[in-house]
All heavy atoms as atom14 arrays in JSON, in Angstrom:
{
  "sequence": "ILYDFKSQNNLPPTGQVRDLRNADGTSNLLTFLSMQNHVFWAGTQ",
  "atom14_mask": [
    [1, 1, 1, 1, 1, 1, 1, 1, 0, 0, 0, 0, 0, 0],
    [1, 1, 1, 1, 1, 1, 1, 1, 0, 0, 0, 0, 0, 0],
    [1, 1, 1, 1, 1, 1, 1, 1, 1, 1, 1, 1, 0, 0],
    [1, 1, 1, 1, 1, 1, 1, 1, 0, 0, 0, 0, 0, 0],
    [1, 1, 1, 1, 1, 1, 1, 1, 1, 1, 1, 0, 0, 0],
    [1, 1, 1, 1, 1, 1, 1, 1, 1, 0, 0, 0, 0, 0],
    [1, 1, 1, 1, 1, 1, 0, 0, 0, 0, 0, 0, 0, 0],
    [1, 1, 1, 1, 1, 1, 1, 1, 1, 0, 0, 0, 0, 0],
    [1, 1, 1, 1, 1, 1, 1, 1, 0, 0, 0, 0, 0, 0],
    [1, 1, 1, 1, 1, 1, 1, 1, 0, 0, 0, 0, 0, 0],
    [1, 1, 1, 1, 1, 1, 1, 1, 0, 0, 0, 0, 0, 0],
    [1, 1, 1, 1, 1, 1, 1, 0, 0, 0, 0, 0, 0, 0],
    [1, 1, 1, 1, 1, 1, 1, 0, 0, 0, 0, 0, 0, 0],
    [1, 1, 1, 1, 1, 1, 1, 0, 0, 0, 0, 0, 0, 0],
    [1, 1, 1, 1, 0, 0, 0, 0, 0, 0, 0, 0, 0, 0],
    [1, 1, 1, 1, 1, 1, 1, 1, 1, 0, 0, 0, 0, 0],
    [1, 1, 1, 1, 1, 1, 1, 0, 0, 0, 0, 0, 0, 0],
    [1, 1, 1, 1, 1, 1, 1, 1, 1, 1, 1, 0, 0, 0],
    [1, 1, 1, 1, 1, 1, 1, 1, 0, 0, 0, 0, 0, 0],
    [1, 1, 1, 1, 1, 1, 1, 1, 0, 0, 0, 0, 0, 0],
    [1, 1, 1, 1, 1, 1, 1, 1, 1, 1, 1, 0, 0, 0],
    [1, 1, 1, 1, 1, 1, 1, 1, 0, 0, 0, 0, 0, 0],
    [1, 1, 1, 1, 1, 0, 0, 0, 0, 0, 0, 0, 0, 0],
    [1, 1, 1, 1, 1, 1, 1, 1, 0, 0, 0, 0, 0, 0],
    [1, 1, 1, 1, 0, 0, 0, 0, 0, 0, 0, 0, 0, 0],
    [1, 1, 1, 1, 1, 1, 1, 0, 0, 0, 0, 0, 0, 0],
    [1, 1, 1, 1, 1, 1, 0, 0, 0, 0, 0, 0, 0, 0],
    [1, 1, 1, 1, 1, 1, 1, 1, 0, 0, 0, 0, 0, 0],
    [1, 1, 1, 1, 1, 1, 1, 1, 0, 0, 0, 0, 0, 0],
    [1, 1, 1, 1, 1, 1, 1, 1, 0, 0, 0, 0, 0, 0],
    [1, 1, 1, 1, 1, 1, 1, 0, 0, 0, 0, 0, 0, 0],
    [1, 1, 1, 1, 1, 1, 1, 1, 1, 1, 1, 0, 0, 0],
    [1, 1, 1, 1, 1, 1, 1, 1, 0, 0, 0, 0, 0, 0],
    [1, 1, 1, 1, 1, 1, 0, 0, 0, 0, 0, 0, 0, 0],
    [1, 1, 1, 1, 1, 1, 1, 1, 0, 0, 0, 0, 0, 0],
    [1, 1, 1, 1, 1, 1, 1, 1, 1, 0, 0, 0, 0, 0],
    [1, 1, 1, 1, 1, 1, 1, 1, 0, 0, 0, 0, 0, 0],
    [1, 1, 1, 1, 1, 1, 1, 1, 1, 1, 0, 0, 0, 0],
    [1, 1, 1, 1, 1, 1, 1, 0, 0, 0, 0, 0, 0, 0],
    [1, 1, 1, 1, 1, 1, 1, 1, 1, 1, 1, 0, 0, 0],
    [1, 1, 1, 1, 1, 1, 1, 1, 1, 1, 1, 1, 1, 1],
    [1, 1, 1, 1, 1, 0, 0, 0, 0, 0, 0, 0, 0, 0],
    [1, 1, 1, 1, 0, 0, 0, 0, 0, 0, 0, 0, 0, 0],
    [1, 1, 1, 1, 1, 1, 1, 0, 0, 0, 0, 0, 0, 0],
    [1, 1, 1, 1, 1, 1, 1, 1, 1, 0, 0, 0, 0, 0]
  ],
  "atom14_positions": [
    [[-14.12, 17.13, 46.89], [-14.76, 18.43, 46.63], [-14.46, 18.82, 45.19], [-13.36, 18.7, 44.71], [-14.26, 19.54, 47.57], [-14.64, 19.19, 49.03], [-14.87, 20.88, 47.22], [-14.11, 20.19, 50.05], [0.0, 0.0, 0.0], [0.0, 0.0, 0.0], [0.0, 0.0, 0.0], [0.0, 0.0, 0.0], [0.0, 0.0, 0.0], [0.0, 0.0, 0.0]],
    [[-15.5, 19.31, 44.54], [-15.38, 19.88, 43.21], [-15.46, 21.39, 43.36], [-16.45, 21.95, 43.85], [-16.55, 19.39, 42.34], [-16.38, 19.37, 40.82], [-15.22, 18.5, 40.42], [-17.68, 18.86, 40.15], [0.0, 0.0, 0.0], [0.0, 0.0, 0.0], [0.0, 0.0, 0.0], [0.0, 0.0, 0.0], [0.0, 0.0, 0.0], [0.0, 0.0, 0.0]],
    [[-14.35, 22.08, 43.04], [-14.29, 23.53, 43.25], [-14.46, 24.3, 41.95], [-13.96, 23.94, 40.9], [-12.9, 23.91, 43.8], [-12.73, 23.65, 45.29], [-11.91, 22.66, 45.76], [-13.41, 24.46, 46.23], [-11.74, 22.43, 47.13], [-13.27, 24.25, 47.61], [-12.43, 23.21, 48.02], [-12.27, 23.0, 49.39], [0.0, 0.0, 0.0], [0.0, 0.0, 0.0]],
    [[-15.21, 25.38, 42.07], [-15.3, 26.4, 41.04], [-14.17, 27.41, 41.32], [-13.47, 27.3, 42.33], [-16.67, 27.08, 41.11], [-16.99, 27.87, 39.86], [-16.12, 28.01, 38.98], [-18.13, 28.39, 39.77], [0.0, 0.0, 0.0], [0.0, 0.0, 0.0], [0.0, 0.0, 0.0], [0.0, 0.0, 0.0], [0.0, 0.0, 0.0], [0.0, 0.0, 0.0]],
    [[-14.04, 28.41, 40.45], [-12.99, 29.4, 40.64], [-13.59, 30.82, 40.77], [-14.51, 31.16, 40.03], [-12.01, 29.39, 39.47], [-11.27, 28.09, 39.31], [-11.7, 27.16, 38.38], [-10.16, 27.8, 40.08], [-11.03, 25.94, 38.23], [-9.48, 26.6, 39.95], [-9.91, 25.67, 39.03], [0.0, 0.0, 0.0], [0.0, 0.0, 0.0], [0.0, 0.0, 0.0]],
    [[-13.07, 31.6, 41.7], [-13.5, 33.0, 41.84], [-13.16, 33.76, 40.58], [-13.92, 34.62, 40.1], [-12.84, 33.64, 43.05], [-13.15, 33.0, 44.37], [-12.36, 33.67, 45.49], [-12.51, 32.96, 46.83], [-11.65, 33.55, 47.86], [0.0, 0.0, 0.0], [0.0, 0.0, 0.0], [0.0, 0.0, 0.0], [0.0, 0.0, 0.0], [0.0, 0.0, 0.0]],
    [[-11.96, 33.5, 40.08], [-11.48, 34.2, 38.87], [-11.0, 33.15, 37.88], [-10.42, 32.15, 38.25], [-10.33, 35.14, 39.26], [-9.67, 35.62, 38.08], [0.0, 0.0, 0.0], [0.0, 0.0, 0.0], [0.0, 0.0, 0.0], [0.0, 0.0, 0.0], [0.0, 0.0, 0.0], [0.0, 0.0, 0.0], [0.0, 0.0, 0.0], [0.0, 0.0, 0.0]],
    [[-11.2, 33.44, 36.58], [-10.74, 32.55, 35.55], [-9.32, 32.89, 35.09], [-8.81, 32.27, 34.13], [-11.72, 32.59, 34.36], [-13.1, 32.06, 34.67], [-13.07, 30.57, 35.03], [-12.51, 29.76, 34.27], [-13.65, 30.2, 36.15], [0.0, 0.0, 0.0], [0.0, 0.0, 0.0], [0.0, 0.0, 0.0], [0.0, 0.0, 0.0], [0.0, 0.0, 0.0]],
    [[-8.68, 33.8, 35.76], [-7.31, 34.18, 35.43], [-6.31, 33.31, 36.18], [-6.55, 32.93, 37.33], [-7.06, 35.65, 35.77], [-7.93, 36.6, 34.95], [-8.21, 36.35, 33.78], [-8.37, 37.68, 35.58], [0.0, 0.0, 0.0], [0.0, 0.0, 0.0], [0.0, 0.0, 0.0], [0.0, 0.0, 0.0], [0.0, 0.0, 0.0], [0.0, 0.0, 0.0]],
    [[-5.18, 33.02, 35.53], [-4.09, 32.3, 36.15], [-4.54, 30.95, 36.74], [-4.17, 30.6, 37.89], [-3.42, 33.13, 37.24], [-2.86, 34.42, 36.69], [-2.25, 34.44, 35.61], [-3.07, 35.54, 37.39], [0.0, 0.0, 0.0], [0.0, 0.0, 0.0], [0.0, 0.0, 0.0], [0.0, 0.0, 0.0], [0.0, 0.0, 0.0], [0.0, 0.0, 0.0]],
    [[-5.32, 30.18, 36.01], [-5.77, 28.89, 36.47], [-4.63, 27.85, 36.34], [-3.74, 27.97, 35.49], [-6.95, 28.41, 35.67], [-8.24, 29.27, 35.74], [-9.33, 28.65, 34.88], [-8.67, 29.42, 37.19], [0.0, 0.0, 0.0], [0.0, 0.0, 0.0], [0.0, 0.0, 0.0], [0.0, 0.0, 0.0], [0.0, 0.0, 0.0], [0.0, 0.0, 0.0]],
    [[-4.62, 26.82, 37.2], [-3.62, 25.78, 37.12], [-3.76, 25.05, 35.78], [-4.84, 25.01, 35.21], [-3.93, 24.86, 38.29], [-4.82, 25.62, 39.19], [-5.58, 26.58, 38.33], [0.0, 0.0, 0.0], [0.0, 0.0, 0.0], [0.0, 0.0, 0.0], [0.0, 0.0, 0.0], [0.0, 0.0, 0.0], [0.0, 0.0, 0.0], [0.0, 0.0, 0.0]],
    [[-2.67, 24.46, 35.29], [-2.76, 23.69, 34.04], [-3.77, 22.53, 34.19], [-3.89, 21.95, 35.25], [-1.33, 23.15, 33.85], [-0.47, 24.03, 34.71], [-1.32, 24.45, 35.85], [0.0, 0.0, 0.0], [0.0, 0.0, 0.0], [0.0, 0.0, 0.0], [0.0, 0.0, 0.0], [0.0, 0.0, 0.0], [0.0, 0.0, 0.0], [0.0, 0.0, 0.0]],
    [[-4.47, 22.2, 33.11], [-5.4, 21.07, 33.2], [-4.63, 19.78, 33.23], [-3.58, 19.6, 32.59], [-6.36, 21.07, 31.97], [-5.59, 20.99, 30.77], [-7.21, 22.33, 31.97], [0.0, 0.0, 0.0], [0.0, 0.0, 0.0], [0.0, 0.0, 0.0], [0.0, 0.0, 0.0], [0.0, 0.0, 0.0], [0.0, 0.0, 0.0], [0.0, 0.0, 0.0]],
    [[-5.15, 18.81, 33.98], [-4.59, 17.48, 34.02], [-3.37, 17.31, 34.94], [-2.89, 16.2, 35.13], [0.0, 0.0, 0.0], [0.0, 0.0, 0.0], [0.0, 0.0, 0.0], [0.0, 0.0, 0.0], [0.0, 0.0, 0.0], [0.0, 0.0, 0.0], [0.0, 0.0, 0.0], [0.0, 0.0, 0.0], [0.0, 0.0, 0.0], [0.0, 0.0, 0.0]],
    [[-2.85, 18.41, 35.48], [-1.66, 18.32, 36.33], [-2.05, 17.98, 37.79], [-2.88, 18.64, 38.37], [-0.92, 19.64, 36.32], [0.36, 19.65, 37.15], [1.01, 21.04, 37.17], [0.68, 21.85, 38.01], [1.91, 21.26, 36.25], [0.0, 0.0, 0.0], [0.0, 0.0, 0.0], [0.0, 0.0, 0.0], [0.0, 0.0, 0.0], [0.0, 0.0, 0.0]],
    [[-1.44, 16.94, 38.33], [-1.69, 16.54, 39.7], [-0.91, 17.42, 40.63], [0.33, 17.49, 40.56], [-1.35, 15.06, 39.96], [-1.55, 14.69, 41.41], [-2.19, 14.15, 39.06], [0.0, 0.0, 0.0], [0.0, 0.0, 0.0], [0.0, 0.0, 0.0], [0.0, 0.0, 0.0], [0.0, 0.0, 0.0], [0.0, 0.0, 0.0], [0.0, 0.0, 0.0]],
    [[-1.58, 18.15, 41.51], [-0.95, 19.07, 42.45], [-1.18, 18.56, 43.87], [-2.3, 18.6, 44.38], [-1.54, 20.48, 42.3], [-1.22, 21.12, 41.0], [-2.33, 21.92, 40.38], [-3.09, 22.69, 41.32], [-4.44, 22.73, 41.29], [-5.11, 22.05, 40.38], [-5.08, 23.49, 42.16], [0.0, 0.0, 0.0], [0.0, 0.0, 0.0], [0.0, 0.0, 0.0]],
    [[-0.12, 18.09, 44.49], [-0.25, 17.59, 45.86], [-0.32, 18.72, 46.86], [0.37, 19.76, 46.69], [0.96, 16.67, 46.2], [0.75, 15.26, 45.73], [0.22, 14.47, 46.52], [1.09, 14.95, 44.57], [0.0, 0.0, 0.0], [0.0, 0.0, 0.0], [0.0, 0.0, 0.0], [0.0, 0.0, 0.0], [0.0, 0.0, 0.0], [0.0, 0.0, 0.0]],
    [[-1.11, 18.53, 47.91], [-1.2, 19.56, 48.94], [0.03, 19.56, 49.79], [0.48, 20.62, 50.28], [-2.44, 19.27, 49.83], [-2.69, 20.26, 50.99], [-2.92, 21.65, 50.45], [-3.86, 19.79, 51.83], [0.0, 0.0, 0.0], [0.0, 0.0, 0.0], [0.0, 0.0, 0.0], [0.0, 0.0, 0.0], [0.0, 0.0, 0.0], [0.0, 0.0, 0.0]],
    [[0.69, 18.39, 49.95], [1.88, 18.3, 50.81], [3.04, 17.75, 49.99], [2.88, 16.91, 49.11], [1.62, 17.41, 52.02], [0.58, 17.97, 52.97], [0.28, 17.04, 54.13], [-0.73, 17.57, 55.01], [-2.04, 17.46, 54.82], [-2.49, 16.83, 53.75], [-2.91, 17.98, 55.66], [0.0, 0.0, 0.0], [0.0, 0.0, 0.0], [0.0, 0.0, 0.0]],
    [[4.23, 18.21, 50.32], [5.44, 17.67, 49.74], [5.78, 16.31, 50.39], [5.16, 15.94, 51.39], [6.6, 18.63, 49.95], [6.34, 19.97, 49.28], [5.93, 20.01, 48.11], [6.55, 21.07, 50.01], [0.0, 0.0, 0.0], [0.0, 0.0, 0.0], [0.0, 0.0, 0.0], [0.0, 0.0, 0.0], [0.0, 0.0, 0.0], [0.0, 0.0, 0.0]],
    [[6.74, 15.63, 49.84], [7.07, 14.29, 50.35], [7.52, 14.31, 51.81], [7.33, 13.36, 52.55], [8.17, 13.67, 49.46], [0.0, 0.0, 0.0], [0.0, 0.0, 0.0], [0.0, 0.0, 0.0], [0.0, 0.0, 0.0], [0.0, 0.0, 0.0], [0.0, 0.0, 0.0], [0.0, 0.0, 0.0], [0.0, 0.0, 0.0], [0.0, 0.0, 0.0]],
    [[8.07, 15.46, 52.24], [8.54, 15.54, 53.64], [7.44, 16.0, 54.59], [7.69, 16.24, 55.78], [9.76, 16.48, 53.74], [9.42, 17.9, 53.31], [8.25, 18.17, 52.91], [10.32, 18.77, 53.36], [0.0, 0.0, 0.0], [0.0, 0.0, 0.0], [0.0, 0.0, 0.0], [0.0, 0.0, 0.0], [0.0, 0.0, 0.0], [0.0, 0.0, 0.0]],
    [[6.2, 16.14, 54.08], [5.1, 16.54, 54.92], [4.81, 18.03, 55.01], [3.81, 18.43, 55.56], [0.0, 0.0, 0.0], [0.0, 0.0, 0.0], [0.0, 0.0, 0.0], [0.0, 0.0, 0.0], [0.0, 0.0, 0.0], [0.0, 0.0, 0.0], [0.0, 0.0, 0.0], [0.0, 0.0, 0.0], [0.0, 0.0, 0.0], [0.0, 0.0, 0.0]],
    [[5.71, 18.84, 54.44], [5.48, 20.29, 54.46], [4.44, 20.68, 53.4], [4.19, 19.95, 52.44], [6.8, 21.04, 54.18], [7.31, 20.63, 52.9], [7.83, 20.75, 55.25], [0.0, 0.0, 0.0], [0.0, 0.0, 0.0], [0.0, 0.0, 0.0], [0.0, 0.0, 0.0], [0.0, 0.0, 0.0], [0.0, 0.0, 0.0], [0.0, 0.0, 0.0]],
    [[3.83, 21.85, 53.59], [2.82, 22.32, 52.65], [3.45, 22.71, 51.32], [4.52, 23.31, 51.28], [2.07, 23.51, 53.22], [1.34, 23.17, 54.39], [0.0, 0.0, 0.0], [0.0, 0.0, 0.0], [0.0, 0.0, 0.0], [0.0, 0.0, 0.0], [0.0, 0.0, 0.0], [0.0, 0.0, 0.0], [0.0, 0.0, 0.0], [0.0, 0.0, 0.0]],
    [[2.75, 22.37, 50.23], [3.18, 22.79, 48.92], [2.62, 24.16, 48.68], [1.41, 24.35, 48.48], [2.63, 21.78, 47.87], [3.13, 22.07, 46.48], [3.3, 23.23, 46.08], [3.36, 21.03, 45.69], [0.0, 0.0, 0.0], [0.0, 0.0, 0.0], [0.0, 0.0, 0.0], [0.0, 0.0, 0.0], [0.0, 0.0, 0.0], [0.0, 0.0, 0.0]],
    [[3.44, 25.16, 48.72], [3.01, 26.56, 48.72], [2.24, 26.9, 47.46], [1.2, 27.59, 47.52], [4.21, 27.5, 48.87], [3.87, 29.0, 48.9], [2.92, 29.3, 50.06], [5.15, 29.82, 49.01], [0.0, 0.0, 0.0], [0.0, 0.0, 0.0], [0.0, 0.0, 0.0], [0.0, 0.0, 0.0], [0.0, 0.0, 0.0], [0.0, 0.0, 0.0]],
    [[2.69, 26.42, 46.29], [1.99, 26.74, 45.04], [0.57, 26.17, 45.02], [-0.38, 26.82, 44.58], [2.8, 26.22, 43.84], [4.12, 26.95, 43.55], [4.83, 26.3, 42.35], [3.88, 28.43, 43.27], [0.0, 0.0, 0.0], [0.0, 0.0, 0.0], [0.0, 0.0, 0.0], [0.0, 0.0, 0.0], [0.0, 0.0, 0.0], [0.0, 0.0, 0.0]],
    [[0.42, 24.95, 45.54], [-0.91, 24.34, 45.63], [-1.75, 25.13, 46.59], [-2.94, 25.44, 46.33], [-0.81, 22.89, 46.08], [-0.03, 22.14, 45.13], [-2.19, 22.26, 46.19], [0.0, 0.0, 0.0], [0.0, 0.0, 0.0], [0.0, 0.0, 0.0], [0.0, 0.0, 0.0], [0.0, 0.0, 0.0], [0.0, 0.0, 0.0], [0.0, 0.0, 0.0]],
    [[-1.19, 25.52, 47.73], [-1.92, 26.23, 48.75], [-2.41, 27.57, 48.18], [-3.54, 27.98, 48.4], [-1.05, 26.46, 49.98], [-1.8, 26.9, 51.19], [-2.32, 25.97, 52.08], [-2.04, 28.24, 51.45], [-3.04, 26.34, 53.2], [-2.76, 28.62, 52.59], [-3.25, 27.66, 53.44], [0.0, 0.0, 0.0], [0.0, 0.0, 0.0], [0.0, 0.0, 0.0]],
    [[-1.58, 28.24, 47.44], [-1.97, 29.53, 46.85], [-3.08, 29.38, 45.85], [-4.02, 30.19, 45.77], [-0.76, 30.2, 46.19], [0.32, 30.76, 47.16], [1.53, 31.23, 46.38], [-0.26, 31.88, 48.01], [0.0, 0.0, 0.0], [0.0, 0.0, 0.0], [0.0, 0.0, 0.0], [0.0, 0.0, 0.0], [0.0, 0.0, 0.0], [0.0, 0.0, 0.0]],
    [[-3.05, 28.31, 45.06], [-4.13, 28.07, 44.07], [-5.45, 27.82, 44.74], [-6.5, 28.11, 44.19], [-3.76, 26.9, 43.15], [-3.87, 25.64, 43.84], [0.0, 0.0, 0.0], [0.0, 0.0, 0.0], [0.0, 0.0, 0.0], [0.0, 0.0, 0.0], [0.0, 0.0, 0.0], [0.0, 0.0, 0.0], [0.0, 0.0, 0.0], [0.0, 0.0, 0.0]],
    [[-5.43, 27.31, 45.99], [-6.67, 27.03, 46.73], [-7.41, 28.32, 47.08], [-8.64, 28.28, 47.31], [-6.37, 26.27, 48.01], [-5.85, 24.85, 47.78], [-5.24, 24.11, 49.34], [-6.73, 24.11, 50.36], [0.0, 0.0, 0.0], [0.0, 0.0, 0.0], [0.0, 0.0, 0.0], [0.0, 0.0, 0.0], [0.0, 0.0, 0.0], [0.0, 0.0, 0.0]],
    [[-6.74, 29.44, 47.14], [-7.37, 30.68, 47.52], [-8.29, 31.25, 46.45], [-9.03, 32.21, 46.67], [-6.31, 31.7, 47.94], [-5.24, 31.18, 48.9], [-5.81, 30.3, 49.99], [-6.76, 30.66, 50.65], [-5.17, 29.13, 50.18], [0.0, 0.0, 0.0], [0.0, 0.0, 0.0], [0.0, 0.0, 0.0], [0.0, 0.0, 0.0], [0.0, 0.0, 0.0]],
    [[-8.24, 30.61, 45.26], [-9.15, 30.99, 44.16], [-10.37, 30.09, 44.12], [-11.16, 30.2, 43.2], [-8.37, 30.92, 42.83], [-9.13, 31.59, 41.7], [-9.93, 32.5, 41.9], [-8.89, 31.1, 40.49], [0.0, 0.0, 0.0], [0.0, 0.0, 0.0], [0.0, 0.0, 0.0], [0.0, 0.0, 0.0], [0.0, 0.0, 0.0], [0.0, 0.0, 0.0]],
    [[-10.52, 29.25, 45.14], [-11.6, 28.27, 45.1], [-12.94, 28.81, 45.62], [-12.97, 29.59, 46.56], [-11.24, 27.05, 45.97], [-10.28, 26.13, 45.33], [-9.48, 25.22, 46.03], [-9.96, 25.95, 44.0], [-8.76, 24.53, 45.19], [-9.01, 24.94, 43.98], [0.0, 0.0, 0.0], [0.0, 0.0, 0.0], [0.0, 0.0, 0.0], [0.0, 0.0, 0.0]],
    [[-14.01, 28.3, 45.03], [-15.36, 28.45, 45.55], [-16.0, 27.08, 45.51], [-15.98, 26.4, 44.48], [-16.21, 29.44, 44.69], [-17.66, 29.49, 45.21], [-15.59, 30.81, 44.72], [0.0, 0.0, 0.0], [0.0, 0.0, 0.0], [0.0, 0.0, 0.0], [0.0, 0.0, 0.0], [0.0, 0.0, 0.0], [0.0, 0.0, 0.0], [0.0, 0.0, 0.0]],
    [[-16.55, 26.63, 46.63], [-17.16, 25.32, 46.72], [-18.28, 25.21, 45.65], [-19.14, 26.08, 45.49], [-17.76, 25.13, 48.12], [-18.41, 23.8, 48.3], [-17.73, 22.77, 48.92], [-19.73, 23.58, 47.93], [-18.34, 21.5, 49.11], [-20.36, 22.36, 48.12], [-19.68, 21.33, 48.73], [0.0, 0.0, 0.0], [0.0, 0.0, 0.0], [0.0, 0.0, 0.0]],
    [[-18.27, 24.05, 44.94], [-19.31, 23.79, 43.94], [-20.09, 22.52, 44.28], [-21.3, 22.47, 44.17], [-18.73, 23.69, 42.55], [-19.76, 23.85, 41.45], [-20.25, 25.02, 40.96], [-20.42, 22.8, 40.75], [-21.2, 24.77, 39.97], [-21.31, 23.41, 39.83], [-20.36, 21.42, 40.8], [-22.13, 22.68, 38.98], [-21.2, 20.69, 39.94], [-22.05, 21.32, 39.04]],
    [[-19.38, 21.48, 44.71], [-20.04, 20.23, 45.15], [-19.05, 19.43, 45.96], [-17.83, 19.62, 45.81], [-20.52, 19.41, 43.94], [0.0, 0.0, 0.0], [0.0, 0.0, 0.0], [0.0, 0.0, 0.0], [0.0, 0.0, 0.0], [0.0, 0.0, 0.0], [0.0, 0.0, 0.0], [0.0, 0.0, 0.0], [0.0, 0.0, 0.0], [0.0, 0.0, 0.0]],
    [[-19.54, 18.56, 46.83], [-18.61, 17.77, 47.63], [-19.29, 16.85, 48.59], [-20.5, 16.97, 48.84], [0.0, 0.0, 0.0], [0.0, 0.0, 0.0], [0.0, 0.0, 0.0], [0.0, 0.0, 0.0], [0.0, 0.0, 0.0], [0.0, 0.0, 0.0], [0.0, 0.0, 0.0], [0.0, 0.0, 0.0], [0.0, 0.0, 0.0], [0.0, 0.0, 0.0]],
    [[-18.52, 15.93, 49.13], [-19.07, 14.95, 50.08], [-17.93, 14.36, 50.9], [-16.75, 14.36, 50.52], [-19.79, 13.81, 49.31], [-20.29, 12.86, 50.25], [-18.81, 13.1, 48.37], [0.0, 0.0, 0.0], [0.0, 0.0, 0.0], [0.0, 0.0, 0.0], [0.0, 0.0, 0.0], [0.0, 0.0, 0.0], [0.0, 0.0, 0.0], [0.0, 0.0, 0.0]],
    [[-18.34, 13.83, 52.08], [-17.39, 13.09, 52.94], [-17.77, 11.61, 52.97], [-17.36, 10.88, 53.87], [-17.34, 13.69, 54.34], [-16.71, 15.04, 54.38], [-16.68, 15.65, 55.78], [-17.73, 15.86, 56.37], [-15.51, 15.92, 56.3], [0.0, 0.0, 0.0], [0.0, 0.0, 0.0], [0.0, 0.0, 0.0], [0.0, 0.0, 0.0], [0.0, 0.0, 0.0]]
  ]
}
């Protein structure tokens, strides 16, 4: 999925790989929070 952003404020750094899950399988909270600024732009399965 290619996501747009609802707001252009406080965007994640460019080029930084942000995993959804930590190595132990738990959710990465910072990544999860950044997802709440998403708006679908394009995607496929």
